[in-house]
Amino acid sequence: MKKILSFSDDLSQDEVEHLTTLLIYHLVEQCGGRVQFTTQDASNTLSGLETKMVHMQIGKNITLRIVTRPPELQDSTAHS
């Protein structure tokens, strides 16, 4: 199941994944260099991905939002 929905015709999925890594680094850096969460937090996040996903809009700026997963992308049996 896709976890990131990208609205860019210019980037491949590999480029989106690389950009995601850079954004994670940026966010951790903005939080003082450390972000900590529990395995329960991770489990809650994973279960939320059945109905929610990250929407990444790429242009001059990059915007990330958590959105409701469209019905055609909802698959409660897949966790890839």
PDB file of N, CA and C in Angstrom:
ATOM      1  N   MET A   1       0.854  -1.178   0.000  1.00  0.00           N
ATOM      2  CA  MET A   1       0.000   0.000   0.000  1.00  0.00           C
ATOM      3  C   MET A   1       0.895   1.234   0.000  1.00  0.00           C
ATOM      4  N   LYS A   2       0.648   2.120  -0.903  1.00  0.00           N
ATOM      5  CA  LYS A   2       1.401   3.371  -0.974  1.00  0.00           C
ATOM      6  C   LYS A   2       1.143   4.215   0.262  1.00  0.00           C
ATOM      7  N   LYS A   3       2.209   4.772   0.820  1.00  0.00           N
ATOM      8  CA  LYS A   3       2.078   5.604   2.012  1.00  0.00           C
ATOM      9  C   LYS A   3       2.211   7.089   1.689  1.00  0.00           C
ATOM     10  N   ILE A   4       2.777   7.396   0.506  1.00  0.00           N
ATOM     11  CA  ILE A   4       2.955   8.787   0.100  1.00  0.00           C
ATOM     12  C   ILE A   4       2.330   8.977  -1.272  1.00  0.00           C
ATOM     13  N   LEU A   5       1.454   9.930  -1.361  1.00  0.00           N
ATOM     14  CA  LEU A   5       0.830  10.294  -2.623  1.00  0.00           C
ATOM     15  C   LEU A   5       1.519  11.564  -3.105  1.00  0.00           C
ATOM     16  N   SER A   6       2.189  11.479  -4.243  1.00  0.00           N
ATOM     17  CA  SER A   6       2.958  12.604  -4.760  1.00  0.00           C
ATOM     18  C   SER A   6       2.259  13.215  -5.962  1.00  0.00           C
ATOM     19  N   PHE A   7       2.094  14.525  -5.925  1.00  0.00           N
ATOM     20  CA  PHE A   7       1.515  15.226  -7.060  1.00  0.00           C
ATOM     21  C   PHE A   7       2.626  15.965  -7.797  1.00  0.00           C
ATOM     22  N   SER A   8       3.394  15.204  -8.547  1.00  0.00           N
ATOM     23  CA  SER A   8       4.451  15.774  -9.366  1.00  0.00           C
ATOM     24  C   SER A   8       4.657  14.863 -10.565  1.00  0.00           C
ATOM     25  N   ASP A   9       4.581  15.431 -11.745  1.00  0.00           N
ATOM     26  CA  ASP A   9       4.843  14.659 -12.952  1.00  0.00           C
ATOM     27  C   ASP A   9       6.332  14.592 -13.248  1.00  0.00           C
ATOM     28  N   ASP A  10       7.123  15.388 -12.512  1.00  0.00           N
ATOM     29  CA  ASP A  10       8.537  15.506 -12.813  1.00  0.00           C
ATOM     30  C   ASP A  10       9.420  14.549 -12.025  1.00  0.00           C
ATOM     31  N   LEU A  11       8.902  13.911 -10.962  1.00  0.00           N
ATOM     32  CA  LEU A  11       9.726  13.075 -10.104  1.00  0.00           C
ATOM     33  C   LEU A  11       9.315  11.612 -10.180  1.00  0.00           C
ATOM     34  N   SER A  12      10.317  10.744 -10.193  1.00  0.00           N
ATOM     35  CA  SER A  12      10.051   9.307 -10.128  1.00  0.00           C
ATOM     36  C   SER A  12       9.793   8.914  -8.672  1.00  0.00           C
ATOM     37  N   GLN A  13       9.313   7.699  -8.451  1.00  0.00           N
ATOM     38  CA  GLN A  13       9.082   7.221  -7.087  1.00  0.00           C
ATOM     39  C   GLN A  13      10.396   7.187  -6.308  1.00  0.00           C
ATOM     40  N   ASP A  14      11.505   6.815  -6.954  1.00  0.00           N
ATOM     41  CA  ASP A  14      12.815   6.816  -6.285  1.00  0.00           C
ATOM     42  C   ASP A  14      13.201   8.222  -5.845  1.00  0.00           C
ATOM     43  N   GLU A  15      12.940   9.209  -6.693  1.00  0.00           N
ATOM     44  CA  GLU A  15      13.249  10.596  -6.339  1.00  0.00           C
ATOM     45  C   GLU A  15      12.373  11.078  -5.179  1.00  0.00           C
ATOM     46  N   VAL A  16      11.111  10.669  -5.163  1.00  0.00           N
ATOM     47  CA  VAL A  16      10.215  11.025  -4.064  1.00  0.00           C
ATOM     48  C   VAL A  16      10.724  10.403  -2.767  1.00  0.00           C
ATOM     49  N   GLU A  17      11.164   9.146  -2.816  1.00  0.00           N
ATOM     50  CA  GLU A  17      11.693   8.485  -1.620  1.00  0.00           C
ATOM     51  C   GLU A  17      12.962   9.181  -1.129  1.00  0.00           C
ATOM     52  N   HIS A  18      13.842   9.589  -2.042  1.00  0.00           N
ATOM     53  CA  HIS A  18      15.054  10.327  -1.657  1.00  0.00           C
ATOM     54  C   HIS A  18      14.681  11.661  -1.022  1.00  0.00           C
ATOM     55  N   LEU A  19      13.746  12.355  -1.620  1.00  0.00           N
ATOM     56  CA  LEU A  19      13.285  13.631  -1.078  1.00  0.00           C
ATOM     57  C   LEU A  19      12.672  13.436   0.309  1.00  0.00           C
ATOM     58  N   THR A  20      11.953  12.336   0.495  1.00  0.00           N
ATOM     59  CA  THR A  20      11.366  12.034   1.801  1.00  0.00           C
ATOM     60  C   THR A  20      12.452  11.873   2.857  1.00  0.00           C
ATOM     61  N   THR A  21      13.536  11.197   2.521  1.00  0.00           N
ATOM     62  CA  THR A  21      14.661  11.055   3.451  1.00  0.00           C
ATOM     63  C   THR A  21      15.231  12.418   3.816  1.00  0.00           C
ATOM     64  N   LEU A  22      15.385  13.287   2.834  1.00  0.00           N
ATOM     65  CA  LEU A  22      15.894  14.640   3.104  1.00  0.00           C
ATOM     66  C   LEU A  22      14.937  15.422   3.997  1.00  0.00           C
ATOM     67  N   LEU A  23      13.641  15.269   3.771  1.00  0.00           N
ATOM     68  CA  LEU A  23      12.655  15.968   4.595  1.00  0.00           C
ATOM     69  C   LEU A  23      12.666  15.464   6.032  1.00  0.00           C
ATOM     70  N   ILE A  24      12.837  14.154   6.210  1.00  0.00           N
ATOM     71  CA  ILE A  24      12.939  13.607   7.572  1.00  0.00           C
ATOM     72  C   ILE A  24      14.149  14.211   8.278  1.00  0.00           C
ATOM     73  N   TYR A  25      15.278  14.254   7.589  1.00  0.00           N
ATOM     74  CA  TYR A  25      16.476  14.862   8.169  1.00  0.00           C
ATOM     75  C   TYR A  25      16.197  16.313   8.568  1.00  0.00           C
ATOM     76  N   HIS A  26      15.574  17.051   7.676  1.00  0.00           N
ATOM     77  CA  HIS A  26      15.261  18.462   7.934  1.00  0.00           C
ATOM     78  C   HIS A  26      14.365  18.601   9.166  1.00  0.00           C
ATOM     79  N   LEU A  27      13.331  17.774   9.264  1.00  0.00           N
ATOM     80  CA  LEU A  27      12.415  17.856  10.403  1.00  0.00           C
ATOM     81  C   LEU A  27      13.109  17.509  11.718  1.00  0.00           C
ATOM     82  N   VAL A  28      13.958  16.477  11.704  1.00  0.00           N
ATOM     83  CA  VAL A  28      14.690  16.110  12.920  1.00  0.00           C
ATOM     84  C   VAL A  28      15.642  17.241  13.304  1.00  0.00           C
ATOM     85  N   GLU A  29      16.302  17.810  12.336  1.00  0.00           N
ATOM     86  CA  GLU A  29      17.205  18.939  12.602  1.00  0.00           C
ATOM     87  C   GLU A  29      16.436  20.109  13.219  1.00  0.00           C
ATOM     88  N   GLN A  30      15.226  20.391  12.706  1.00  0.00           N
ATOM     89  CA  GLN A  30      14.403  21.480  13.227  1.00  0.00           C
ATOM     90  C   GLN A  30      13.923  21.203  14.656  1.00  0.00           C
ATOM     91  N   CYS A  31      13.898  19.938  15.043  1.00  0.00           N
ATOM     92  CA  CYS A  31      13.456  19.544  16.394  1.00  0.00           C
ATOM     93  C   CYS A  31      14.642  19.386  17.342  1.00  0.00           C
ATOM     94  N   GLY A  32      15.766  20.014  17.033  1.00  0.00           N
ATOM     95  CA  GLY A  32      16.926  19.958  17.917  1.00  0.00           C
ATOM     96  C   GLY A  32      17.814  18.754  17.699  1.00  0.00           C
ATOM     97  N   GLY A  33      17.635  18.037  16.612  1.00  0.00           N
ATOM     98  CA  GLY A  33      18.514  16.931  16.277  1.00  0.00           C
ATOM     99  C   GLY A  33      18.076  15.584  16.820  1.00  0.00           C
ATOM    100  N   ARG A  34      16.937  15.549  17.479  1.00  0.00           N
ATOM    101  CA  ARG A  34      16.480  14.276  18.025  1.00  0.00           C
ATOM    102  C   ARG A  34      14.955  14.226  18.059  1.00  0.00           C
ATOM    103  N   VAL A  35      14.408  13.124  17.564  1.00  0.00           N
ATOM    104  CA  VAL A  35      12.982  12.843  17.663  1.00  0.00           C
ATOM    105  C   VAL A  35      12.876  11.433  18.221  1.00  0.00           C
ATOM    106  N   GLN A  36      12.083  11.281  19.239  1.00  0.00           N
ATOM    107  CA  GLN A  36      11.950   9.977  19.876  1.00  0.00           C
ATOM    108  C   GLN A  36      10.480   9.583  19.921  1.00  0.00           C
ATOM    109  N   PHE A  37      10.197   8.303  19.666  1.00  0.00           N
ATOM    110  CA  PHE A  37       8.838   7.797  19.789  1.00  0.00           C
ATOM    111  C   PHE A  37       8.911   6.342  20.197  1.00  0.00           C
ATOM    112  N   THR A  38       7.822   5.836  20.744  1.00  0.00           N
ATOM    113  CA  THR A  38       7.781   4.467  21.259  1.00  0.00           C
ATOM    114  C   THR A  38       7.313   3.500  20.180  1.00  0.00           C
ATOM    115  N   THR A  39       7.457   2.216  20.459  1.00  0.00           N
ATOM    116  CA  THR A  39       6.932   1.215  19.535  1.00  0.00           C
ATOM    117  C   THR A  39       5.416   1.310  19.461  1.00  0.00           C
ATOM    118  N   GLN A  40       4.778   1.726  20.549  1.00  0.00           N
ATOM    119  CA  GLN A  40       3.319   1.919  20.535  1.00  0.00           C
ATOM    120  C   GLN A  40       2.951   3.074  19.599  1.00  0.00           C
ATOM    121  N   ASP A  41       3.740   4.164  19.630  1.00  0.00           N
ATOM    122  CA  ASP A  41       3.523   5.270  18.700  1.00  0.00           C
ATOM    123  C   ASP A  41       3.628   4.776  17.254  1.00  0.00           C
ATOM    124  N   ALA A  42       4.653   3.966  16.979  1.00  0.00           N
ATOM    125  CA  ALA A  42       4.853   3.438  15.625  1.00  0.00           C
ATOM    126  C   ALA A  42       3.679   2.543  15.218  1.00  0.00           C
ATOM    127  N   SER A  43       3.207   1.719  16.137  1.00  0.00           N
ATOM    128  CA  SER A  43       2.072   0.849  15.855  1.00  0.00           C
ATOM    129  C   SER A  43       0.810   1.658  15.566  1.00  0.00           C
ATOM    130  N   ASN A  44       0.580   2.702  16.354  1.00  0.00           N
ATOM    131  CA  ASN A  44      -0.585   3.566  16.125  1.00  0.00           C
ATOM    132  C   ASN A  44      -0.495   4.254  14.768  1.00  0.00           C
ATOM    133  N   THR A  45       0.699   4.698  14.411  1.00  0.00           N
ATOM    134  CA  THR A  45       0.900   5.348  13.117  1.00  0.00           C
ATOM    135  C   THR A  45       0.642   4.365  11.992  1.00  0.00           C
ATOM    136  N   LEU A  46       1.161   3.151  12.123  1.00  0.00           N
ATOM    137  CA  LEU A  46       0.971   2.138  11.090  1.00  0.00           C
ATOM    138  C   LEU A  46      -0.508   1.825  10.890  1.00  0.00           C
ATOM    139  N   SER A  47      -1.247   1.687  11.975  1.00  0.00           N
ATOM    140  CA  SER A  47      -2.672   1.392  11.830  1.00  0.00           C
ATOM    141  C   SER A  47      -3.415   2.576  11.210  1.00  0.00           C
ATOM    142  N   GLY A  48      -2.943   3.792  11.468  1.00  0.00           N
ATOM    143  CA  GLY A  48      -3.561   4.974  10.867  1.00  0.00           C
ATOM    144  C   GLY A  48      -3.369   5.052   9.368  1.00  0.00           C
ATOM    145  N   LEU A  49      -2.326   4.364   8.856  1.00  0.00           N
ATOM    146  CA  LEU A  49      -2.060   4.399   7.416  1.00  0.00           C
ATOM    147  C   LEU A  49      -3.091   3.630   6.599  1.00  0.00           C
ATOM    148  N   GLU A  50      -3.963   2.885   7.271  1.00  0.00           N
ATOM    149  CA  GLU A  50      -5.035   2.208   6.542  1.00  0.00           C
ATOM    150  C   GLU A  50      -6.040   3.217   5.990  1.00  0.00           C
ATOM    151  N   THR A  51      -6.212   4.341   6.690  1.00  0.00           N
ATOM    152  CA  THR A  51      -7.202   5.333   6.266  1.00  0.00           C
ATOM    153  C   THR A  51      -6.593   6.707   5.966  1.00  0.00           C
ATOM    154  N   LYS A  52      -5.345   6.911   6.314  1.00  0.00           N
ATOM    155  CA  LYS A  52      -4.681   8.201   6.086  1.00  0.00           C
ATOM    156  C   LYS A  52      -3.402   7.978   5.291  1.00  0.00           C
ATOM    157  N   MET A  53      -2.927   9.029   4.665  1.00  0.00           N
ATOM    158  CA  MET A  53      -1.651   8.975   3.963  1.00  0.00           C
ATOM    159  C   MET A  53      -1.048  10.366   3.897  1.00  0.00           C
ATOM    160  N   VAL A  54       0.227  10.429   3.546  1.00  0.00           N
ATOM    161  CA  VAL A  54       0.901  11.711   3.383  1.00  0.00           C
ATOM    162  C   VAL A  54       0.719  12.164   1.939  1.00  0.00           C
ATOM    163  N   HIS A  55       0.281  13.383   1.777  1.00  0.00           N
ATOM    164  CA  HIS A  55       0.135  14.014   0.459  1.00  0.00           C
ATOM    165  C   HIS A  55       1.323  14.965   0.316  1.00  0.00           C
ATOM    166  N   MET A  56       2.124  14.753  -0.715  1.00  0.00           N
ATOM    167  CA  MET A  56       3.300  15.584  -0.952  1.00  0.00           C
ATOM    168  C   MET A  56       3.071  16.370  -2.231  1.00  0.00           C
ATOM    169  N   GLN A  57       3.028  17.699  -2.117  1.00  0.00           N
ATOM    170  CA  GLN A  57       2.886  18.548  -3.293  1.00  0.00           C
ATOM    171  C   GLN A  57       4.237  19.188  -3.542  1.00  0.00           C
ATOM    172  N   ILE A  58       4.759  18.961  -4.746  1.00  0.00           N
ATOM    173  CA  ILE A  58       6.110  19.401  -5.081  1.00  0.00           C
ATOM    174  C   ILE A  58       6.040  20.460  -6.161  1.00  0.00           C
ATOM    175  N   GLY A  59       6.616  21.580  -5.869  1.00  0.00           N
ATOM    176  CA  GLY A  59       6.709  22.693  -6.800  1.00  0.00           C
ATOM    177  C   GLY A  59       7.898  23.524  -6.374  1.00  0.00           C
ATOM    178  N   LYS A  60       7.752  24.840  -6.397  1.00  0.00           N
ATOM    179  CA  LYS A  60       8.819  25.710  -5.895  1.00  0.00           C
ATOM    180  C   LYS A  60       9.063  25.399  -4.419  1.00  0.00           C
ATOM    181  N   ASN A  61       7.996  25.154  -3.689  1.00  0.00           N
ATOM    182  CA  ASN A  61       8.059  24.711  -2.305  1.00  0.00           C
ATOM    183  C   ASN A  61       7.514  23.295  -2.227  1.00  0.00           C
ATOM    184  N   ILE A  62       7.829  22.608  -1.146  1.00  0.00           N
ATOM    185  CA  ILE A  62       7.311  21.265  -0.910  1.00  0.00           C
ATOM    186  C   ILE A  62       6.343  21.347   0.256  1.00  0.00           C
ATOM    187  N   THR A  63       5.142  20.833   0.053  1.00  0.00           N
ATOM    188  CA  THR A  63       4.115  20.852   1.088  1.00  0.00           C
ATOM    189  C   THR A  63       3.736  19.419   1.413  1.00  0.00           C
ATOM    190  N   LEU A  64       3.732  19.087   2.705  1.00  0.00           N
ATOM    191  CA  LEU A  64       3.291  17.780   3.170  1.00  0.00           C
ATOM    192  C   LEU A  64       2.030  17.962   3.988  1.00  0.00           C
ATOM    193  N   ARG A  65       1.047  17.102   3.741  1.00  0.00           N
ATOM    194  CA  ARG A  65      -0.188  17.119   4.530  1.00  0.00           C
ATOM    195  C   ARG A  65      -0.608  15.675   4.771  1.00  0.00           C
ATOM    196  N   ILE A  66      -1.285  15.440   5.885  1.00  0.00           N
ATOM    197  CA  ILE A  66      -1.910  14.147   6.124  1.00  0.00           C
ATOM    198  C   ILE A  66      -3.337  14.264   5.634  1.00  0.00           C
ATOM    199  N   VAL A  67      -3.725  13.346   4.745  1.00  0.00           N
ATOM    200  CA  VAL A  67      -5.051  13.378   4.130  1.00  0.00           C
ATOM    201  C   VAL A  67      -5.723  12.018   4.295  1.00  0.00           C
ATOM    202  N   THR A  68      -7.035  12.001   4.126  1.00  0.00           N
ATOM    203  CA  THR A  68      -7.775  10.749   4.133  1.00  0.00           C
ATOM    204  C   THR A  68      -7.469   9.991   2.855  1.00  0.00           C
ATOM    205  N   ARG A  69      -7.132   8.736   3.009  1.00  0.00           N
ATOM    206  CA  ARG A  69      -6.785   7.889   1.867  1.00  0.00           C
ATOM    207  C   ARG A  69      -8.020   7.695   0.985  1.00  0.00           C
ATOM    208  N   PRO A  70      -7.910   7.924  -0.335  1.00  0.00           N
ATOM    209  CA  PRO A  70      -9.043   7.685  -1.231  1.00  0.00           C
ATOM    210  C   PRO A  70      -9.460   6.212  -1.157  1.00  0.00           C
ATOM    211  N   PRO A  71     -10.751   5.929  -1.312  1.00  0.00           N
ATOM    212  CA  PRO A  71     -11.239   4.543  -1.200  1.00  0.00           C
ATOM    213  C   PRO A  71     -10.465   3.554  -2.074  1.00  0.00           C
ATOM    214  N   GLU A  72     -10.082   3.962  -3.274  1.00  0.00           N
ATOM    215  CA  GLU A  72      -9.374   3.046  -4.169  1.00  0.00           C
ATOM    216  C   GLU A  72      -7.961   2.714  -3.678  1.00  0.00           C
ATOM    217  N   LEU A  73      -7.430   3.487  -2.728  1.00  0.00           N
ATOM    218  CA  LEU A  73      -6.109   3.213  -2.163  1.00  0.00           C
ATOM    219  C   LEU A  73      -6.191   2.610  -0.765  1.00  0.00           C
ATOM    220  N   GLN A  74      -7.382   2.342  -0.291  1.00  0.00           N
ATOM    221  CA  GLN A  74      -7.543   1.722   1.018  1.00  0.00           C
ATOM    222  C   GLN A  74      -7.519   0.209   0.857  1.00  0.00           C
ATOM    223  N   ASP A  75      -6.607  -0.415   1.602  1.00  0.00           N
ATOM    224  CA  ASP A  75      -6.502  -1.867   1.588  1.00  0.00           C
ATOM    225  C   ASP A  75      -6.005  -2.281   2.962  1.00  0.00           C
ATOM    226  N   SER A  76      -6.917  -2.644   3.840  1.00  0.00           N
ATOM    227  CA  SER A  76      -6.567  -2.940   5.211  1.00  0.00           C
ATOM    228  C   SER A  76      -5.747  -4.209   5.361  1.00  0.00           C
ATOM    229  N   THR A  77      -5.575  -4.998   4.301  1.00  0.00           N
ATOM    230  CA  THR A  77      -4.794  -6.229   4.417  1.00  0.00           C
ATOM    231  C   THR A  77      -3.351  -6.038   4.013  1.00  0.00           C
ATOM    232  N   ALA A  78      -3.015  -4.929   3.352  1.00  0.00           N
ATOM    233  CA  ALA A  78      -1.650  -4.707   2.874  1.00  0.00           C
ATOM    234  C   ALA A  78      -0.932  -3.705   3.753  1.00  0.00           C
ATOM    235  N   HIS A  79       0.280  -4.035   4.160  1.00  0.00           N
ATOM    236  CA  HIS A  79       1.120  -3.116   4.950  1.00  0.00           C
ATOM    237  C   HIS A  79       2.512  -3.125   4.371  1.00  0.00           C
ATOM    238  N   SER A  80       2.713  -2.528   3.197  1.00  0.00           N
ATOM    239  CA  SER A  80       4.038  -2.509   2.584  1.00  0.00           C
ATOM    240  C   SER A  80       4.702  -1.179   2.782  1.00  0.00           C
TER     241      SER A  80
END
